[in-house]
């Protein structure tokens, strides 16, 4: 581990010394590719003694979604978890109170949301310092990240945490790069772009591919992509995740400062201790998780509005709905009747591929 970390430091030092211009783009692209490979080694150690999840980090995923609380020590994560879920996570004014991963559950709009209080991230977590690797490995399993910041501490905390998460392949509030990468058996590197490309050239692309021992591939860009974007696609292990910046302890700042915070994108100001704007935070979590509630309607009965079936926004067909209820339901499926915004008329008879919308009502008709 020490040798990998030393290599990472050497590359980061060299990148810091290298001026960014067209002449150095090829060299920087190569260094970034080397850095990405070394970081992957830290995340998935090849030796048996490289460390597993660690005691307290092996938390079974439960409920309809998982949200992770990430932040520097003593920013109020434990207090927030206690207020939102009723779970006891030790609270103290000194740093590093939470040394294990504490799970809690929020029941909201019929959904069961698992909330994890992850131990305080310190600078250098992505390089294996502290228990950072276990923290960030658990963070990768979440559907949404809450970065908890102290309103009275500098915004540099935000940048440091983002850097730690980025270093472990978590991309916050970003879409996957719009580029196609396909390996082939022969023909060399074929690089095409549908737009004017100012950040990547063929030489840099070939250097990055060579670092990964890829000598034959078709690469097509549909926007002005960077070397980092290409590396992300080649690595293939990047997690694209919504993130809310929860600014805690707003009772300790001025109204003018609060108004500025309120205008920033992805921000949610709160006071966990005084329970200010916790409802607003829950609304924002719901919005960012983008869950879909589907109500069931047994034949001859009224819909069950108390216990919705929760689907993710990416998997919300009638088939996904059936599998969420029971894996054998699809085998017995004949057709479904749907009421709600996804139906053209009420009810609409639909097949398994029909995409459902939030708060639709579904009745499954089985084969006789």
Protein backbone atom coordinates (compact mmCIF):
# COMPACT_ATOMS: atom_id res chain seq x y z
CA UNK A 1 0.00 0.00 0.00
CA UNK A 2 2.79 2.42 0.94
CA UNK A 3 4.45 2.02 -2.44
CA UNK A 4 1.15 2.67 -4.28
CA UNK A 5 0.55 5.77 -2.17
CA UNK A 6 4.08 6.99 -2.87
CA UNK A 7 3.55 6.51 -6.61
CA UNK A 8 0.27 8.46 -6.36
CA UNK A 9 2.02 11.30 -4.54
CA UNK A 10 4.85 11.39 -7.11
CA UNK A 11 2.39 11.61 -10.01
CA UNK A 12 0.30 14.29 -8.27
CA UNK A 13 3.48 16.31 -7.60
CA UNK A 14 4.52 16.01 -11.24
CA UNK A 15 1.04 17.07 -12.42
CA UNK A 16 1.13 20.09 -10.09
CA UNK A 17 4.48 21.16 -11.57
CA UNK A 18 3.38 20.67 -15.20
CA UNK A 19 1.91 23.73 -16.92
CA UNK A 20 -1.43 23.09 -18.62
CA UNK A 21 -1.22 23.90 -22.33
CA UNK A 22 -1.59 22.14 -25.68
CA UNK A 23 2.03 20.96 -25.66
CA UNK A 24 1.66 19.20 -22.29
CA UNK A 25 -1.87 17.78 -22.86
CA UNK A 26 -0.48 14.43 -24.04
CA UNK A 27 1.87 14.12 -21.01
CA UNK A 28 -0.88 15.12 -18.53
CA UNK A 29 -3.33 12.66 -20.10
CA UNK A 30 -0.80 9.86 -19.59
CA UNK A 31 -0.23 10.88 -15.95
CA UNK A 32 -3.99 10.97 -15.29
CA UNK A 33 -4.37 7.45 -16.70
CA UNK A 34 -1.53 6.18 -14.45
CA UNK A 35 -3.15 7.92 -11.46
CA UNK A 36 -6.57 6.36 -12.16
CA UNK A 37 -5.02 2.86 -12.30
CA UNK A 38 -3.16 3.36 -9.00
CA UNK A 39 -6.32 4.66 -7.28
CA UNK A 40 -8.17 1.55 -8.49
CA UNK A 41 -5.47 -0.57 -6.82
CA UNK A 42 -6.13 1.24 -3.53
CA UNK A 43 -9.87 0.60 -3.78
CA UNK A 44 -9.52 -3.09 -4.67
CA UNK A 45 -6.26 -4.37 -3.14
CA UNK A 46 -4.85 -7.46 -4.82
CA UNK A 47 -3.32 -8.91 -1.64
CA UNK A 48 -5.33 -10.77 0.97
CA UNK A 49 -3.99 -8.51 3.68
CA UNK A 50 -5.24 -5.38 1.92
CA UNK A 51 -8.16 -4.95 4.29
CA UNK A 52 -11.81 -5.66 3.85
CA UNK A 53 -14.84 -3.60 4.69
CA UNK A 54 -13.72 -3.42 8.30
CA UNK A 55 -15.72 -3.88 11.47
CA UNK A 56 -18.85 -1.79 11.47
CA UNK A 57 -18.73 -1.10 7.73
CA UNK A 58 -20.45 -4.26 6.49
CA UNK A 59 -23.97 -2.80 6.53
CA UNK A 60 -26.64 -4.81 4.72
CA UNK A 61 -28.47 -2.73 2.15
CA UNK A 62 -32.14 -2.51 3.05
CA UNK A 63 -35.20 -0.48 2.12
CA UNK A 64 -35.92 1.28 -1.16
CA UNK A 65 -32.85 3.57 -1.29
CA UNK A 66 -29.60 4.24 0.56
CA UNK A 67 -28.35 7.72 1.47
CA UNK A 68 -24.85 8.36 2.88
CA UNK A 69 -23.87 11.18 5.23
CA UNK A 70 -20.30 12.25 4.47
CA UNK A 71 -18.36 15.06 6.05
CA UNK A 72 -15.45 16.19 8.17
CA UNK A 73 -15.53 15.33 11.88
CA UNK A 74 -17.86 17.32 14.17
CA UNK A 75 -20.05 18.92 11.47
CA UNK A 76 -23.24 17.44 12.94
CA UNK A 77 -23.79 14.23 10.95
CA UNK A 78 -24.65 12.16 14.04
CA UNK A 79 -27.11 14.80 15.30
CA UNK A 80 -28.76 14.88 11.87
CA UNK A 81 -29.08 11.07 11.79
CA UNK A 82 -30.59 11.07 15.29
CA UNK A 83 -33.16 13.76 14.38
CA UNK A 84 -34.19 12.19 11.05
CA UNK A 85 -34.32 8.53 12.04
CA UNK A 86 -34.39 8.23 15.82
CA UNK A 87 -31.26 6.02 15.59
CA UNK A 88 -28.69 6.69 18.32
CA UNK A 89 -25.28 7.71 16.98
CA UNK A 90 -22.99 9.08 19.68
CA UNK A 91 -22.74 12.86 19.61
CA UNK A 92 -19.84 14.81 21.10
CA UNK A 93 -18.04 18.09 20.52
CA UNK A 94 -14.70 16.41 19.91
CA UNK A 95 -13.60 14.91 16.57
CA UNK A 96 -13.96 11.28 15.44
CA UNK A 97 -16.87 10.27 17.68
CA UNK A 98 -18.30 7.94 15.05
CA UNK A 99 -15.83 5.14 14.32
CA UNK A 100 -18.21 2.65 12.73
CA UNK A 101 -20.94 2.96 10.10
CA UNK A 102 -24.28 3.66 11.81
CA UNK A 103 -27.44 2.85 9.82
CA UNK A 104 -30.86 4.41 10.40
CA UNK A 105 -34.16 4.37 8.50
CA UNK A 106 -36.37 7.25 7.35
CA UNK A 107 -40.00 6.45 6.44
CA UNK A 108 -41.02 9.11 3.90
CA UNK A 109 -43.92 9.17 1.45
CA UNK A 110 -44.34 5.42 1.79
CA UNK A 111 -40.65 4.73 1.04
CA UNK A 112 -38.11 3.20 3.39
CA UNK A 113 -34.85 5.15 3.03
CA UNK A 114 -31.70 3.81 4.72
CA UNK A 115 -29.48 6.59 6.05
CA UNK A 116 -25.83 5.84 6.85
CA UNK A 117 -23.71 7.98 9.14
CA UNK A 118 -20.22 7.36 7.76
CA UNK A 119 -17.20 8.19 9.96
CA UNK A 120 -15.67 11.60 9.39
CA UNK A 121 -13.60 11.76 6.22
CA UNK A 122 -10.19 13.32 6.66
CA UNK A 123 -8.03 14.76 3.91
CA UNK A 124 -6.22 11.92 2.16
CA UNK A 125 -8.95 9.30 2.64
CA UNK A 126 -8.71 8.34 -1.04
CA UNK A 127 -5.03 7.52 -0.45
CA UNK A 128 -5.84 5.07 2.35
CA UNK A 129 -5.32 7.40 5.32
CA UNK A 130 -7.44 6.88 8.44
CA UNK A 131 -10.29 4.53 7.61
CA UNK A 132 -11.04 6.52 4.48
CA UNK A 133 -11.04 3.59 2.07
CA UNK A 134 -13.79 1.77 3.99
CA UNK A 135 -15.81 4.99 4.26
CA UNK A 136 -15.65 5.74 0.56
CA UNK A 137 -16.23 2.08 -0.45
CA UNK A 138 -19.48 2.21 1.55
CA UNK A 139 -20.33 5.62 0.05
CA UNK A 140 -20.13 4.04 -3.44
CA UNK A 141 -23.08 1.77 -2.58
CA UNK A 142 -25.38 4.74 -1.88
CA UNK A 143 -28.07 6.15 -4.20
CA UNK A 144 -27.46 9.72 -3.00
CA UNK A 145 -24.74 11.44 -0.96
CA UNK A 146 -25.30 14.17 1.61
CA UNK A 147 -22.11 16.16 2.13
CA UNK A 148 -22.60 17.79 5.53
CA UNK A 149 -20.75 21.09 5.90
CA UNK A 150 -20.37 23.40 8.88
CA UNK A 151 -21.79 26.84 8.07
CA UNK A 152 -19.09 28.56 10.14
CA UNK A 153 -16.15 26.67 8.62
CA UNK A 154 -14.58 27.49 5.24
CA UNK A 155 -15.97 26.15 1.98
CA UNK A 156 -12.57 24.54 1.38
CA UNK A 157 -14.01 21.54 3.30
CA UNK A 158 -16.42 21.04 0.40
CA UNK A 159 -13.61 20.99 -2.16
CA UNK A 160 -11.51 18.57 -0.10
CA UNK A 161 -14.39 16.10 0.32
CA UNK A 162 -15.25 16.33 -3.40
CA UNK A 163 -11.61 15.57 -4.20
CA UNK A 164 -11.65 12.52 -1.90
CA UNK A 165 -14.86 11.17 -3.48
CA UNK A 166 -13.67 11.94 -7.03
CA UNK A 167 -10.44 10.07 -6.28
CA UNK A 168 -12.45 6.92 -5.63
CA UNK A 169 -14.53 7.21 -8.79
CA UNK A 170 -17.66 8.89 -7.37
CA UNK A 171 -18.89 11.60 -9.73
CA UNK A 172 -21.25 14.06 -8.02
CA UNK A 173 -24.22 15.60 -9.86
CA UNK A 174 -22.73 14.62 -13.23
CA UNK A 175 -23.99 12.58 -16.17
CA UNK A 176 -21.84 9.78 -17.68
CA UNK A 177 -19.59 11.08 -20.52
CA UNK A 178 -21.36 11.14 -23.88
CA UNK A 179 -18.73 9.22 -25.78
CA UNK A 180 -18.54 5.74 -27.29
CA UNK A 181 -15.59 3.46 -26.57
CA UNK A 182 -15.47 0.03 -28.21
CA UNK A 183 -12.51 -2.37 -28.20
CA UNK A 184 -11.79 -4.35 -31.38
CA UNK A 185 -9.32 -7.01 -32.53
CA UNK A 186 -7.39 -5.00 -35.14
CA UNK A 187 -7.29 -1.70 -37.00
CA UNK A 188 -5.54 0.49 -34.42
CA UNK A 189 -7.10 3.44 -32.61
CA UNK A 190 -9.89 5.05 -34.65
CA UNK A 191 -10.72 8.46 -33.11
CA UNK A 192 -13.65 10.51 -34.43
CA UNK A 193 -15.58 13.49 -33.07
CA UNK A 194 -18.97 14.93 -34.08
CA UNK A 195 -18.03 18.33 -32.59
CA UNK A 196 -14.98 20.58 -32.58
CA UNK A 197 -12.67 19.07 -30.00
CA UNK A 198 -10.31 21.38 -28.11
CA UNK A 199 -9.29 19.19 -25.16
CA UNK A 200 -8.37 15.82 -26.70
CA UNK A 201 -6.26 14.95 -29.72
CA UNK A 202 -5.35 11.62 -31.31
CA UNK A 203 -1.87 11.58 -29.71
CA UNK A 204 -3.33 11.98 -26.18
CA UNK A 205 -6.05 9.38 -26.86
CA UNK A 206 -3.41 6.88 -28.07
CA UNK A 207 -1.22 7.57 -25.01
CA UNK A 208 -4.14 6.95 -22.61
CA UNK A 209 -5.18 3.78 -24.44
CA UNK A 210 -1.57 2.55 -24.48
CA UNK A 211 -1.36 2.95 -20.68
CA UNK A 212 -4.31 0.50 -20.49
CA UNK A 213 -2.66 -1.77 -23.11
CA UNK A 214 -5.45 -1.03 -25.57
CA UNK A 215 -4.11 -0.81 -29.12
CA UNK A 216 -7.30 -1.35 -31.16
CA UNK A 217 -10.49 0.60 -30.42
CA UNK A 218 -13.16 2.86 -31.93
CA UNK A 219 -13.69 6.08 -29.95
CA UNK A 220 -16.41 8.58 -30.87
CA UNK A 221 -16.93 11.90 -29.04
CA UNK A 222 -20.27 13.72 -29.13
CA UNK A 223 -19.10 16.72 -27.09
CA UNK A 224 -15.86 18.47 -26.13
CA UNK A 225 -14.59 15.69 -23.83
CA UNK A 226 -11.54 15.79 -21.56
CA UNK A 227 -8.82 13.20 -20.86
CA UNK A 228 -10.58 12.54 -17.52
CA UNK A 229 -13.82 11.71 -19.34
CA UNK A 230 -12.07 9.18 -21.59
CA UNK A 231 -10.29 7.58 -18.58
CA UNK A 232 -13.64 7.33 -16.74
CA UNK A 233 -15.19 5.42 -19.66
CA UNK A 234 -12.18 3.08 -20.04
CA UNK A 235 -12.11 2.40 -16.28
CA UNK A 236 -15.84 1.67 -16.38
CA UNK A 237 -16.19 1.64 -12.59
CA UNK A 238 -17.35 5.21 -12.09
CA UNK A 239 -20.45 5.90 -10.02
CA UNK A 240 -22.61 8.86 -11.09
CA UNK A 241 -24.52 9.97 -8.04
CA UNK A 242 -26.76 12.87 -6.99
CA UNK A 243 -25.36 14.91 -4.11
CA UNK A 244 -26.88 17.47 -1.72
CA UNK A 245 -24.62 19.88 0.18
CA UNK A 246 -26.23 20.09 3.62
CA UNK A 247 -25.01 23.25 5.35
CA UNK A 248 -25.54 22.68 9.07
CA UNK A 249 -25.45 25.12 12.04
CA UNK A 250 -27.12 27.98 10.10
CA UNK A 251 -28.24 29.38 13.47
CA UNK A 252 -24.64 30.58 13.84
CA UNK A 253 -24.45 32.71 10.64
CA UNK A 254 -26.05 35.98 9.51
CA UNK A 255 -29.23 36.28 7.44
CA UNK A 256 -27.19 37.75 4.55
CA UNK A 257 -24.88 34.71 4.54
CA UNK A 258 -27.89 32.39 4.65
CA UNK A 259 -29.48 34.12 1.64
CA UNK A 260 -26.28 33.56 -0.37
CA UNK A 261 -26.19 29.85 0.59
CA UNK A 262 -29.85 29.44 -0.34
CA UNK A 263 -29.17 30.49 -3.96
CA UNK A 264 -26.37 27.97 -4.58
CA UNK A 265 -27.27 24.84 -6.64
CA UNK A 266 -27.61 21.52 -4.76
CA UNK A 267 -27.42 23.30 -1.37
CA UNK A 268 -29.80 22.82 1.57
CA UNK A 269 -29.24 24.98 4.69
CA UNK A 270 -30.35 23.41 8.02
CA UNK A 271 -29.82 23.41 11.76
CA UNK A 272 -29.92 19.79 12.94
CA UNK A 273 -29.72 20.78 16.62
CA UNK A 274 -32.66 23.22 16.38
CA UNK A 275 -34.47 21.10 13.73
CA UNK A 276 -34.65 23.98 11.23
CA UNK A 277 -35.56 23.06 7.63
CA UNK A 278 -35.38 19.28 8.15
CA UNK A 279 -38.64 18.98 6.17
CA UNK A 280 -36.99 20.91 3.34
CA UNK A 281 -34.04 18.51 3.44
CA UNK A 282 -36.33 15.46 3.27
CA UNK A 283 -38.12 16.99 0.25
CA UNK A 284 -34.78 17.55 -1.47
CA UNK A 285 -33.60 13.98 -0.70
CA UNK A 286 -36.84 12.66 -2.22
CA UNK A 287 -36.36 14.84 -5.31
CA UNK A 288 -32.73 13.73 -5.80
CA UNK A 289 -33.49 10.02 -5.26
CA UNK A 290 -36.13 10.35 -8.01
CA UNK A 291 -38.17 7.37 -6.77
CA UNK A 292 -41.47 6.26 -8.29
CA UNK A 293 -44.42 5.21 -6.08
CA UNK A 294 -46.80 2.67 -7.60
CA UNK A 295 -50.06 1.72 -5.85
CA UNK A 296 -51.47 -1.78 -6.21
CA UNK A 297 -55.13 -2.47 -6.93
CA UNK A 298 -56.40 -5.99 -6.16
CA UNK A 299 -59.26 -7.10 -8.42
CA UNK A 300 -62.62 -5.88 -7.11
CA UNK A 301 -61.02 -3.73 -4.36
CA UNK A 302 -59.90 -0.12 -3.95
CA UNK A 303 -56.20 0.76 -4.50
CA UNK A 304 -53.87 0.40 -1.52
CA UNK A 305 -52.58 3.94 -0.98
CA UNK A 306 -50.89 3.09 2.33
CA UNK A 307 -48.13 0.78 1.09
CA UNK A 308 -46.79 1.77 -2.36
CA UNK A 309 -44.31 -0.32 -4.36
CA UNK A 310 -41.18 1.84 -4.77
CA UNK A 311 -39.29 1.73 -8.09
CA UNK A 312 -36.18 3.60 -9.19
CA UNK A 313 -36.53 6.16 -11.98
CA UNK A 314 -34.33 3.98 -14.24
CA UNK A 315 -36.31 0.78 -13.74
CA UNK A 316 -40.03 1.52 -13.72
CA UNK A 317 -41.69 -0.70 -16.32
CA UNK A 318 -44.63 -2.95 -15.45
CA UNK A 319 -42.16 -5.87 -15.57
CA UNK A 320 -39.94 -4.13 -12.96
CA UNK A 321 -43.07 -3.58 -10.85
CA UNK A 322 -43.96 -7.30 -11.04
CA UNK A 323 -40.41 -8.38 -10.11
CA UNK A 324 -40.41 -6.02 -7.11
CA UNK A 325 -43.55 -7.75 -5.76
CA UNK A 326 -42.50 -11.35 -6.51
CA UNK A 327 -40.02 -12.88 -8.94
CA UNK A 328 -42.60 -15.44 -10.20
CA UNK A 329 -45.28 -12.84 -10.99
CA UNK A 330 -43.86 -12.18 -14.48
CA UNK A 331 -44.40 -15.87 -15.42
CA UNK A 332 -48.10 -15.59 -14.53
CA UNK A 333 -48.52 -12.16 -16.17
CA UNK A 334 -51.23 -11.76 -18.83
CA UNK A 335 -51.66 -7.95 -18.94
CA UNK A 336 -52.01 -4.98 -16.59
CA UNK A 337 -54.57 -2.23 -16.12
CA UNK A 338 -53.06 1.18 -15.34
CA UNK A 339 -54.64 4.34 -13.96
CA UNK A 340 -52.58 7.53 -13.66
CA UNK A 341 -50.39 9.95 -15.63
CA UNK A 342 -48.70 7.21 -17.72
CA UNK A 343 -52.10 5.96 -19.01
CA UNK A 344 -53.66 7.45 -22.16
CA UNK A 345 -57.14 6.50 -20.89
CA UNK A 346 -58.27 5.17 -17.53
CA UNK A 347 -57.74 2.34 -17.18
CA UNK A 348 -55.33 1.51 -20.01
CA UNK A 349 -54.52 -2.11 -20.81
CA UNK A 350 -50.73 -2.39 -21.13
CA UNK A 351 -47.91 -4.89 -21.68
CA UNK A 352 -44.84 -5.59 -19.54
CA UNK A 353 -42.72 -2.93 -21.26
CA UNK A 354 -45.09 -0.03 -20.35
CA UNK A 355 -43.25 2.70 -18.36
CA UNK A 356 -45.02 3.78 -15.18
CA UNK A 357 -45.14 7.27 -13.64
CA UNK A 358 -45.15 8.37 -9.99
CA UNK A 359 -48.41 7.51 -8.17
CA UNK A 360 -49.83 5.32 -10.94
CA UNK A 361 -52.29 2.61 -9.88
CA UNK A 362 -51.68 -0.88 -11.31
CA UNK A 363 -53.82 -4.00 -11.40
CA UNK A 364 -52.10 -7.18 -12.66
CA UNK A 365 -54.26 -9.68 -14.54
CA UNK A 366 -52.76 -13.18 -14.35
CA UNK A 367 -53.03 -16.07 -16.78
CA UNK A 368 -55.83 -18.49 -15.90
